[in-house]
Protein backbone atom coordinates (compact mmCIF):
# COMPACT_ATOMS: atom_id res chain seq x y z
CA MET A 1 -18.46 27.98 -6.74
CA GLY A 2 -15.62 29.73 -5.38
CA ASN A 3 -14.23 27.20 -3.23
CA ILE A 4 -14.02 24.79 -6.16
CA ILE A 5 -10.34 24.76 -7.59
CA SER A 6 -10.47 24.60 -11.64
CA LEU A 7 -7.61 22.87 -12.87
CA LYS A 8 -7.99 24.92 -15.95
CA ASN A 9 -6.98 28.03 -14.23
CA SER A 10 -4.58 26.93 -12.14
CA SER A 11 -0.43 25.91 -12.78
CA ILE A 12 -1.19 22.44 -11.79
CA SER A 13 -1.68 19.75 -14.77
CA LYS A 14 -3.90 17.36 -14.21
CA ASP A 15 -1.08 14.58 -13.74
CA GLN A 16 0.22 16.62 -11.08
CA GLY A 17 -3.18 16.74 -9.20
CA PHE A 18 -3.33 12.77 -9.83
CA ASN A 19 -0.32 12.36 -8.25
CA LEU A 20 -1.28 14.95 -5.28
CA ILE A 21 -4.40 12.71 -4.58
CA ILE A 22 -2.54 9.05 -4.99
CA LYS A 23 0.94 9.27 -3.42
CA LYS A 24 3.09 6.24 -3.19
CA PRO A 25 3.68 5.25 0.41
CA GLY A 26 7.49 5.66 1.75
CA GLN A 27 9.87 2.68 2.56
CA SER A 28 8.98 2.68 6.23
CA VAL A 29 5.37 2.74 5.54
CA VAL A 30 5.58 0.00 3.22
CA ILE A 31 7.73 -2.15 5.68
CA ILE A 32 5.50 -1.35 8.46
CA ILE A 33 2.59 -2.24 6.55
CA SER A 34 4.00 -5.77 5.42
CA LEU A 35 5.26 -6.74 8.87
CA VAL A 36 1.71 -5.87 10.43
CA ALA A 37 0.15 -8.15 7.42
CA MET A 38 2.53 -10.91 7.82
CA ALA A 39 2.32 -10.73 11.79
CA ILE A 40 -1.57 -11.20 11.80
CA ILE A 41 -1.43 -13.79 8.69
CA GLY A 42 0.89 -15.51 10.54
CA LEU A 43 -1.49 -15.30 13.95
CA ILE A 44 -4.64 -16.37 11.67
CA ASP A 45 -2.40 -19.21 10.67
CA TYR A 46 -1.67 -20.18 13.91
CA ILE A 47 -4.44 -20.00 15.36
CA SER A 48 -6.31 -22.18 12.89
CA GLY A 49 -3.72 -25.02 12.98
CA TYR A 50 -2.63 -27.34 10.93
CA GLU A 51 -5.56 -28.53 9.14
CA ILE A 52 -5.45 -25.14 7.27
CA SER A 53 -2.64 -24.11 5.46
CA PHE A 54 -2.72 -20.06 4.93
CA SER A 55 1.45 -20.05 3.45
CA ILE A 56 -0.33 -18.72 -0.13
CA PHE A 57 -1.38 -15.60 2.03
CA TYR A 58 2.02 -15.17 2.91
CA LEU A 59 2.74 -13.40 -0.44
CA LEU A 60 -0.03 -10.68 -0.50
CA PRO A 61 2.00 -9.01 1.96
CA ILE A 62 5.74 -9.59 0.61
CA SER A 63 4.37 -9.11 -2.88
CA PHE A 64 3.00 -5.19 -1.55
CA ALA A 65 6.54 -5.01 0.11
CA ILE A 66 8.28 -5.64 -3.38
CA LEU A 67 5.86 -3.49 -5.81
CA PHE A 68 6.20 -0.34 -3.37
CA TYR A 69 9.57 -0.41 -2.15
CA SER A 70 11.47 -0.91 -5.18
CA HIS A 71 9.62 1.85 -6.87
CA ALA A 72 10.91 3.77 -3.81
CA LEU A 73 14.41 2.99 -4.32
């Protein structure tokens, strides 16, 4: 087990190790992901016509942006 790093023997705590694995995206990444998601939803909404409303799905990228962008400030 020479290649496995033990958190017991290292100076990295469990919380720091978890934060190294799970990083919050930066502001520009959040904005780009949100805009791309909104464009995809808009395209699907346009293609599906007026019979089916996708307006509730626009809340997903907006919520994502608010959640992560507000923490990035």
